[in-house]
């Protein structure tokens, strides 16, 4: 007896397939360039996550960054201190309250995140190159719809 798939698709199976695709694309490139880039920078995953938050969400205070990363205030402060010391993040006083510190990516931090993203894109592209053109076209149509739906959802603040 086969399991009936729900109308919205099986989220666990879809998640598993996406993770398999990512893993396979990294194996195809043989060097996992994005992981090597991160390792060469000497950064931890939480530090990389913080850089991505600052890149895509914009300047943050330590409290908001910690909440986004689901880290304690002390863990976030230590993480931020290391990123400031590396010159990847700047920490400035807030305009209305000097005790309020604003964290922002430095130009070096932006360049690093962009380099990580380019490496990841190359890995994903390498995986896509091995897929039949018709399958790629179908995937492109579906991914376009996914990006549109998620963009609309993020735009609504959800």
N, C-alpha and C. Protein backbone atom coordinates (compact mmCIF):
# COMPACT_ATOMS: atom_id res chain seq x y z
N UNK A 1 0.84 -1.17 0.00
CA UNK A 1 0.00 0.00 0.00
C UNK A 1 0.89 1.24 0.00
N UNK A 2 0.66 2.14 -0.90
CA UNK A 2 1.47 3.34 -0.99
C UNK A 2 0.84 4.44 -0.16
N UNK A 3 1.70 5.26 0.40
CA UNK A 3 1.23 6.39 1.20
C UNK A 3 0.70 7.47 0.28
N UNK A 4 -0.45 7.99 0.59
CA UNK A 4 -1.03 9.06 -0.21
C UNK A 4 -0.35 10.38 0.15
N UNK A 5 0.13 11.08 -0.86
CA UNK A 5 0.81 12.34 -0.65
C UNK A 5 -0.22 13.45 -0.45
N UNK A 6 -0.02 14.31 0.58
CA UNK A 6 -0.97 15.41 0.79
C UNK A 6 -0.95 16.37 -0.38
N UNK A 7 -2.04 17.10 -0.53
CA UNK A 7 -2.18 18.03 -1.67
C UNK A 7 -1.03 19.01 -1.76
N UNK A 8 -0.49 19.44 -0.63
CA UNK A 8 0.60 20.41 -0.63
C UNK A 8 1.97 19.79 -0.79
N UNK A 9 2.04 18.50 -0.98
CA UNK A 9 3.33 17.83 -1.08
C UNK A 9 3.85 17.46 0.30
N UNK A 10 4.75 16.52 0.34
CA UNK A 10 5.33 16.05 1.60
C UNK A 10 6.52 16.95 1.92
N UNK A 11 6.38 17.78 2.94
CA UNK A 11 7.43 18.73 3.28
C UNK A 11 8.71 18.04 3.72
N UNK A 12 8.60 16.93 4.44
CA UNK A 12 9.80 16.21 4.86
C UNK A 12 10.56 15.67 3.65
N UNK A 13 9.84 15.10 2.70
CA UNK A 13 10.48 14.57 1.49
C UNK A 13 11.10 15.70 0.66
N UNK A 14 10.39 16.80 0.54
CA UNK A 14 10.91 17.93 -0.22
C UNK A 14 12.17 18.48 0.45
N UNK A 15 12.14 18.59 1.76
CA UNK A 15 13.32 19.06 2.50
C UNK A 15 14.49 18.11 2.29
N UNK A 16 14.23 16.81 2.39
CA UNK A 16 15.28 15.81 2.18
C UNK A 16 15.87 15.93 0.78
N UNK A 17 15.02 16.12 -0.22
CA UNK A 17 15.50 16.24 -1.59
C UNK A 17 16.34 17.50 -1.79
N UNK A 18 15.91 18.61 -1.20
CA UNK A 18 16.70 19.84 -1.31
C UNK A 18 18.06 19.68 -0.65
N UNK A 19 18.08 19.06 0.52
CA UNK A 19 19.35 18.82 1.20
C UNK A 19 20.25 17.88 0.39
N UNK A 20 19.66 16.87 -0.22
CA UNK A 20 20.44 15.95 -1.06
C UNK A 20 21.03 16.70 -2.24
N UNK A 21 20.24 17.59 -2.84
CA UNK A 21 20.71 18.37 -3.98
C UNK A 21 21.90 19.24 -3.56
N UNK A 22 21.79 19.90 -2.43
CA UNK A 22 22.88 20.74 -1.97
C UNK A 22 24.14 19.89 -1.73
N UNK A 23 23.97 18.76 -1.06
CA UNK A 23 25.11 17.88 -0.81
C UNK A 23 25.75 17.38 -2.09
N UNK A 24 24.91 16.99 -3.05
CA UNK A 24 25.44 16.50 -4.33
C UNK A 24 26.16 17.60 -5.09
N UNK A 25 25.61 18.81 -5.07
CA UNK A 25 26.26 19.91 -5.80
C UNK A 25 27.62 20.20 -5.19
N UNK A 26 27.74 20.07 -3.88
CA UNK A 26 29.04 20.30 -3.24
C UNK A 26 30.02 19.18 -3.60
N UNK A 27 29.52 17.95 -3.71
CA UNK A 27 30.40 16.83 -4.09
C UNK A 27 30.86 16.96 -5.53
N UNK A 28 30.00 17.47 -6.40
CA UNK A 28 30.37 17.62 -7.81
C UNK A 28 31.52 18.61 -7.94
N UNK A 29 31.52 19.67 -7.15
CA UNK A 29 32.59 20.66 -7.26
C UNK A 29 33.88 20.19 -6.60
N UNK A 30 33.80 19.09 -5.85
CA UNK A 30 34.92 18.41 -5.22
C UNK A 30 35.69 19.24 -4.19
N UNK A 31 35.56 20.53 -4.19
CA UNK A 31 36.33 21.31 -3.23
C UNK A 31 35.47 21.98 -2.20
N UNK A 32 34.15 21.92 -2.36
CA UNK A 32 33.26 22.65 -1.47
C UNK A 32 33.83 24.04 -1.22
N UNK A 33 33.93 24.79 -2.31
CA UNK A 33 34.57 26.10 -2.29
C UNK A 33 33.99 27.02 -1.22
N UNK A 34 32.68 26.97 -1.02
CA UNK A 34 32.08 27.86 -0.02
C UNK A 34 32.56 27.50 1.39
N UNK A 35 32.69 26.21 1.70
CA UNK A 35 33.18 25.79 3.01
C UNK A 35 34.65 26.17 3.16
N UNK A 36 35.42 26.01 2.10
CA UNK A 36 36.84 26.38 2.14
C UNK A 36 37.00 27.88 2.34
N UNK A 37 36.17 28.67 1.67
CA UNK A 37 36.24 30.13 1.82
C UNK A 37 35.97 30.52 3.26
N UNK A 38 34.96 29.87 3.87
CA UNK A 38 34.63 30.15 5.26
C UNK A 38 35.78 29.74 6.17
N UNK A 39 36.34 28.57 5.94
CA UNK A 39 37.44 28.08 6.77
C UNK A 39 38.66 28.98 6.63
N UNK A 40 38.95 29.41 5.40
CA UNK A 40 40.09 30.30 5.17
C UNK A 40 39.94 31.62 5.92
N UNK A 41 38.70 32.05 6.07
CA UNK A 41 38.44 33.30 6.80
C UNK A 41 38.55 33.09 8.31
N UNK A 42 38.59 31.82 8.74
CA UNK A 42 38.72 31.52 10.16
C UNK A 42 37.46 31.82 10.96
N UNK A 43 36.31 31.70 10.31
CA UNK A 43 35.05 32.04 10.96
C UNK A 43 34.22 30.81 11.30
N UNK A 44 33.43 30.95 12.34
CA UNK A 44 32.51 29.90 12.75
C UNK A 44 31.19 30.08 12.01
N UNK A 45 30.35 29.05 12.05
CA UNK A 45 29.02 29.16 11.43
C UNK A 45 28.20 30.29 12.05
N UNK A 46 28.19 30.45 13.38
CA UNK A 46 27.44 31.59 13.94
C UNK A 46 27.96 32.94 13.46
N UNK A 47 29.27 33.07 13.29
CA UNK A 47 29.82 34.32 12.77
C UNK A 47 29.39 34.56 11.33
N UNK A 48 29.42 33.50 10.53
CA UNK A 48 28.96 33.62 9.14
C UNK A 48 27.48 33.99 9.12
N UNK A 49 26.71 33.37 9.99
CA UNK A 49 25.27 33.67 10.07
C UNK A 49 25.05 35.15 10.43
N UNK A 50 25.84 35.65 11.37
CA UNK A 50 25.72 37.06 11.75
C UNK A 50 26.03 37.97 10.57
N UNK A 51 27.07 37.63 9.82
CA UNK A 51 27.41 38.44 8.65
C UNK A 51 26.28 38.44 7.63
N UNK A 52 25.66 37.27 7.43
CA UNK A 52 24.55 37.20 6.48
C UNK A 52 23.35 38.02 6.97
N UNK A 53 23.06 37.97 8.26
CA UNK A 53 21.96 38.78 8.81
C UNK A 53 22.23 40.25 8.54
N UNK A 54 23.43 40.70 8.85
CA UNK A 54 23.76 42.11 8.63
C UNK A 54 23.74 42.49 7.16
N UNK A 55 24.11 41.57 6.30
CA UNK A 55 24.11 41.82 4.86
C UNK A 55 22.68 41.94 4.33
N UNK A 56 21.81 41.02 4.73
CA UNK A 56 20.50 40.95 4.12
C UNK A 56 19.38 41.59 4.93
N UNK A 57 19.62 41.81 6.22
CA UNK A 57 18.61 42.47 7.05
C UNK A 57 19.00 43.91 7.38
N UNK A 58 20.27 44.25 7.13
CA UNK A 58 20.73 45.60 7.40
C UNK A 58 21.27 45.75 8.81
N UNK A 59 21.66 46.98 9.17
CA UNK A 59 22.24 47.23 10.49
C UNK A 59 21.31 46.75 11.62
N UNK A 60 21.94 46.28 12.70
CA UNK A 60 21.21 45.73 13.84
C UNK A 60 21.88 46.20 15.12
N UNK A 61 21.12 46.17 16.21
CA UNK A 61 21.77 46.31 17.50
C UNK A 61 22.09 44.90 18.00
N UNK A 62 22.88 44.80 19.05
CA UNK A 62 23.33 43.49 19.53
C UNK A 62 22.14 42.63 19.96
N UNK A 63 21.17 43.25 20.62
CA UNK A 63 20.00 42.51 21.10
C UNK A 63 19.23 41.89 19.95
N UNK A 64 18.96 42.68 18.92
CA UNK A 64 18.20 42.17 17.77
C UNK A 64 18.98 41.11 17.01
N UNK A 65 20.28 41.31 16.86
CA UNK A 65 21.10 40.31 16.18
C UNK A 65 21.09 39.00 16.98
N UNK A 66 21.24 39.10 18.28
CA UNK A 66 21.22 37.92 19.13
C UNK A 66 19.89 37.18 19.03
N UNK A 67 18.79 37.92 18.99
CA UNK A 67 17.47 37.30 18.86
C UNK A 67 17.34 36.59 17.51
N UNK A 68 17.84 37.23 16.47
CA UNK A 68 17.79 36.64 15.14
C UNK A 68 18.61 35.35 15.08
N UNK A 69 19.76 35.35 15.73
CA UNK A 69 20.65 34.19 15.73
C UNK A 69 20.26 33.17 16.80
N UNK A 70 19.35 33.56 17.70
CA UNK A 70 18.94 32.72 18.83
C UNK A 70 20.13 32.41 19.73
N UNK A 71 20.88 33.47 20.02
CA UNK A 71 22.04 33.38 20.90
C UNK A 71 21.78 34.25 22.13
N UNK A 72 22.47 33.94 23.22
CA UNK A 72 22.39 34.78 24.41
C UNK A 72 23.09 36.11 24.12
N UNK A 73 22.83 37.07 24.99
CA UNK A 73 23.45 38.39 24.84
C UNK A 73 24.98 38.27 24.96
N UNK A 74 25.47 37.45 25.90
CA UNK A 74 26.92 37.34 26.07
C UNK A 74 27.56 36.64 24.88
N UNK A 75 26.90 35.59 24.36
CA UNK A 75 27.45 34.89 23.18
C UNK A 75 27.46 35.82 21.97
N UNK A 76 26.39 36.60 21.82
CA UNK A 76 26.32 37.53 20.69
C UNK A 76 27.38 38.62 20.83
N UNK A 77 27.56 39.13 22.02
CA UNK A 77 28.58 40.17 22.25
C UNK A 77 29.98 39.66 21.91
N UNK A 78 30.29 38.44 22.32
CA UNK A 78 31.60 37.85 22.01
C UNK A 78 31.76 37.66 20.51
N UNK A 79 30.72 37.15 19.88
CA UNK A 79 30.74 36.93 18.43
C UNK A 79 30.98 38.25 17.70
N UNK A 80 30.25 39.29 18.11
CA UNK A 80 30.37 40.61 17.47
C UNK A 80 31.77 41.17 17.71
N UNK A 81 32.29 41.02 18.92
CA UNK A 81 33.63 41.53 19.22
C UNK A 81 34.66 40.95 18.28
N UNK A 82 34.58 39.64 18.03
CA UNK A 82 35.51 38.98 17.12
C UNK A 82 35.37 39.53 15.70
N UNK A 83 34.13 39.75 15.24
CA UNK A 83 33.90 40.27 13.89
C UNK A 83 34.40 41.71 13.77
N UNK A 84 34.27 42.49 14.85
CA UNK A 84 34.80 43.86 14.85
C UNK A 84 36.32 43.82 14.78
N UNK A 85 36.94 42.94 15.59
CA UNK A 85 38.40 42.82 15.59
C UNK A 85 38.94 42.41 14.22
N UNK A 86 38.18 41.59 13.51
CA UNK A 86 38.59 41.15 12.17
C UNK A 86 38.32 42.21 11.10
N UNK A 87 37.66 43.29 11.48
CA UNK A 87 37.36 44.36 10.54
C UNK A 87 36.20 44.04 9.60
N UNK A 88 35.38 43.06 9.98
CA UNK A 88 34.25 42.66 9.13
C UNK A 88 32.96 43.38 9.51
N UNK A 89 32.90 43.90 10.73
CA UNK A 89 31.72 44.60 11.24
C UNK A 89 32.17 45.88 11.92
N UNK A 90 31.38 46.93 11.74
CA UNK A 90 31.65 48.16 12.49
C UNK A 90 30.59 48.30 13.57
N UNK A 91 30.98 48.91 14.68
CA UNK A 91 30.07 49.13 15.81
C UNK A 91 30.13 50.62 16.11
N UNK A 92 28.99 51.30 15.94
CA UNK A 92 28.94 52.74 16.16
C UNK A 92 27.84 53.07 17.17
N UNK A 93 27.94 54.27 17.72
CA UNK A 93 26.93 54.72 18.68
C UNK A 93 25.65 55.09 17.93
N UNK A 94 24.52 54.81 18.58
CA UNK A 94 23.23 55.18 18.00
C UNK A 94 23.08 56.69 17.96
N UNK A 95 22.29 57.17 17.02
CA UNK A 95 22.11 58.61 16.85
C UNK A 95 21.42 59.25 18.06
N UNK A 96 20.44 58.58 18.64
CA UNK A 96 19.67 59.17 19.73
C UNK A 96 20.18 58.76 21.12
N UNK A 97 20.91 57.67 21.20
CA UNK A 97 21.39 57.16 22.48
C UNK A 97 22.79 56.56 22.28
N UNK A 98 23.79 57.21 22.88
CA UNK A 98 25.17 56.76 22.67
C UNK A 98 25.43 55.39 23.26
N UNK A 99 24.58 54.95 24.22
CA UNK A 99 24.74 53.61 24.80
C UNK A 99 24.26 52.53 23.83
N UNK A 100 23.42 52.93 22.91
CA UNK A 100 22.86 52.00 21.90
C UNK A 100 23.87 51.85 20.77
N UNK A 101 24.39 50.63 20.59
CA UNK A 101 25.39 50.39 19.56
C UNK A 101 24.74 49.80 18.31
N UNK A 102 25.12 50.30 17.16
CA UNK A 102 24.60 49.82 15.89
C UNK A 102 25.71 49.04 15.19
N UNK A 103 25.36 47.83 14.76
CA UNK A 103 26.30 46.95 14.07
C UNK A 103 26.00 47.00 12.58
N UNK A 104 27.06 47.10 11.80
CA UNK A 104 26.90 47.17 10.34
C UNK A 104 28.10 46.49 9.70
N UNK A 105 27.84 45.86 8.56
CA UNK A 105 28.95 45.24 7.83
C UNK A 105 29.91 46.30 7.33
N UNK A 106 31.18 46.03 7.45
CA UNK A 106 32.19 46.89 6.84
C UNK A 106 32.30 46.50 5.37
N UNK A 107 33.06 47.24 4.62
CA UNK A 107 33.24 46.87 3.21
C UNK A 107 33.92 45.51 3.11
N UNK A 108 34.86 45.20 4.03
CA UNK A 108 35.51 43.89 4.02
C UNK A 108 34.49 42.79 4.33
N UNK A 109 33.56 43.06 5.25
CA UNK A 109 32.52 42.08 5.57
C UNK A 109 31.61 41.83 4.39
N UNK A 110 31.24 42.90 3.69
CA UNK A 110 30.39 42.75 2.49
C UNK A 110 31.11 41.93 1.43
N UNK A 111 32.38 42.23 1.23
CA UNK A 111 33.15 41.48 0.23
C UNK A 111 33.24 40.00 0.58
N UNK A 112 33.41 39.70 1.86
CA UNK A 112 33.49 38.30 2.28
C UNK A 112 32.16 37.58 2.04
N UNK A 113 31.05 38.19 2.43
CA UNK A 113 29.74 37.56 2.21
C UNK A 113 29.51 37.38 0.71
N UNK A 114 29.85 38.37 -0.08
CA UNK A 114 29.68 38.24 -1.54
C UNK A 114 30.54 37.11 -2.09
N UNK A 115 31.76 36.97 -1.58
CA UNK A 115 32.65 35.89 -2.02
C UNK A 115 32.07 34.53 -1.63
N UNK A 116 31.53 34.42 -0.43
CA UNK A 116 30.88 33.18 0.01
C UNK A 116 29.68 32.85 -0.88
N UNK A 117 28.88 33.85 -1.20
CA UNK A 117 27.69 33.62 -2.03
C UNK A 117 28.08 33.23 -3.45
N UNK A 118 29.11 33.86 -3.99
CA UNK A 118 29.56 33.48 -5.34
C UNK A 118 30.05 32.04 -5.36
N UNK A 119 30.79 31.64 -4.33
CA UNK A 119 31.29 30.26 -4.25
C UNK A 119 30.11 29.29 -4.17
N UNK A 120 29.12 29.61 -3.37
CA UNK A 120 27.95 28.74 -3.24
C UNK A 120 27.18 28.66 -4.55
N UNK A 121 27.07 29.79 -5.24
CA UNK A 121 26.39 29.81 -6.55
C UNK A 121 27.13 28.93 -7.55
N UNK A 122 28.45 28.98 -7.52
CA UNK A 122 29.22 28.13 -8.45
C UNK A 122 28.97 26.65 -8.15
N UNK A 123 28.89 26.30 -6.87
CA UNK A 123 28.60 24.91 -6.50
C UNK A 123 27.22 24.48 -7.00
N UNK A 124 26.22 25.33 -6.78
CA UNK A 124 24.88 24.98 -7.23
C UNK A 124 24.82 24.90 -8.76
N UNK A 125 25.48 25.83 -9.43
CA UNK A 125 25.50 25.81 -10.90
C UNK A 125 26.15 24.52 -11.41
N UNK A 126 27.22 24.10 -10.75
CA UNK A 126 27.89 22.87 -11.18
C UNK A 126 26.94 21.69 -11.10
N UNK A 127 26.12 21.65 -10.06
CA UNK A 127 25.13 20.59 -9.94
C UNK A 127 24.07 20.67 -11.02
N UNK A 128 23.66 21.88 -11.34
CA UNK A 128 22.61 22.07 -12.36
C UNK A 128 23.09 21.72 -13.76
N UNK A 129 24.37 21.88 -14.00
CA UNK A 129 24.91 21.59 -15.34
C UNK A 129 24.74 20.12 -15.73
N UNK A 130 24.57 19.25 -14.76
CA UNK A 130 24.43 17.81 -15.03
C UNK A 130 22.98 17.37 -15.19
N UNK A 131 22.08 18.32 -15.16
CA UNK A 131 20.65 18.02 -15.28
C UNK A 131 20.21 18.28 -16.72
N UNK A 132 19.36 17.42 -17.24
CA UNK A 132 18.87 17.56 -18.62
C UNK A 132 18.21 18.93 -18.80
N UNK A 133 18.35 19.54 -19.99
CA UNK A 133 17.78 20.87 -20.24
C UNK A 133 16.28 20.97 -19.94
N UNK A 134 15.53 19.94 -20.29
CA UNK A 134 14.08 19.99 -20.03
C UNK A 134 13.80 20.01 -18.53
N UNK A 135 14.55 19.25 -17.78
CA UNK A 135 14.38 19.22 -16.33
C UNK A 135 14.77 20.56 -15.73
N UNK A 136 15.87 21.15 -16.24
CA UNK A 136 16.29 22.48 -15.76
C UNK A 136 15.21 23.51 -16.04
N UNK A 137 14.62 23.46 -17.22
CA UNK A 137 13.57 24.43 -17.57
C UNK A 137 12.38 24.29 -16.62
N UNK A 138 12.01 23.05 -16.32
CA UNK A 138 10.90 22.81 -15.39
C UNK A 138 11.25 23.31 -13.99
N UNK A 139 12.47 23.02 -13.56
CA UNK A 139 12.93 23.48 -12.25
C UNK A 139 12.93 25.01 -12.19
N UNK A 140 13.36 25.63 -13.27
CA UNK A 140 13.40 27.10 -13.32
C UNK A 140 12.00 27.68 -13.16
N UNK A 141 11.02 27.10 -13.83
CA UNK A 141 9.64 27.59 -13.70
C UNK A 141 9.15 27.45 -12.26
N UNK A 142 9.41 26.30 -11.66
CA UNK A 142 8.97 26.06 -10.29
C UNK A 142 9.70 26.99 -9.33
N UNK A 143 11.00 27.12 -9.47
CA UNK A 143 11.78 27.98 -8.58
C UNK A 143 11.36 29.44 -8.70
N UNK A 144 11.02 29.89 -9.90
CA UNK A 144 10.55 31.26 -10.08
C UNK A 144 9.28 31.47 -9.25
N UNK A 145 8.36 30.49 -9.31
CA UNK A 145 7.13 30.59 -8.53
C UNK A 145 7.42 30.58 -7.03
N UNK A 146 8.34 29.74 -6.61
CA UNK A 146 8.70 29.67 -5.20
C UNK A 146 9.27 31.01 -4.72
N UNK A 147 10.19 31.57 -5.50
CA UNK A 147 10.79 32.85 -5.12
C UNK A 147 9.73 33.94 -5.07
N UNK A 148 8.81 33.96 -6.03
CA UNK A 148 7.73 34.96 -6.03
C UNK A 148 6.85 34.81 -4.80
N UNK A 149 6.47 33.56 -4.46
CA UNK A 149 5.61 33.33 -3.31
C UNK A 149 6.31 33.70 -2.00
N UNK A 150 7.57 33.29 -1.86
CA UNK A 150 8.30 33.62 -0.65
C UNK A 150 8.57 35.12 -0.55
N UNK A 151 8.87 35.77 -1.68
CA UNK A 151 9.12 37.22 -1.67
C UNK A 151 7.86 37.96 -1.24
N UNK A 152 6.72 37.53 -1.72
CA UNK A 152 5.46 38.16 -1.33
C UNK A 152 5.22 37.97 0.17
N UNK A 153 5.53 36.79 0.66
CA UNK A 153 5.33 36.49 2.08
C UNK A 153 6.27 37.33 2.95
N UNK A 154 7.52 37.41 2.56
CA UNK A 154 8.49 38.21 3.32
C UNK A 154 8.09 39.69 3.26
N UNK A 155 7.60 40.13 2.11
CA UNK A 155 7.15 41.50 1.95
C UNK A 155 5.98 41.86 2.87
N UNK A 156 5.20 40.84 3.26
CA UNK A 156 4.07 41.05 4.16
C UNK A 156 4.51 41.05 5.61
N UNK A 157 5.78 40.76 5.85
CA UNK A 157 6.28 40.73 7.21
C UNK A 157 6.06 39.41 7.91
N UNK A 158 5.75 38.36 7.17
CA UNK A 158 5.54 37.03 7.78
C UNK A 158 6.77 36.19 7.70
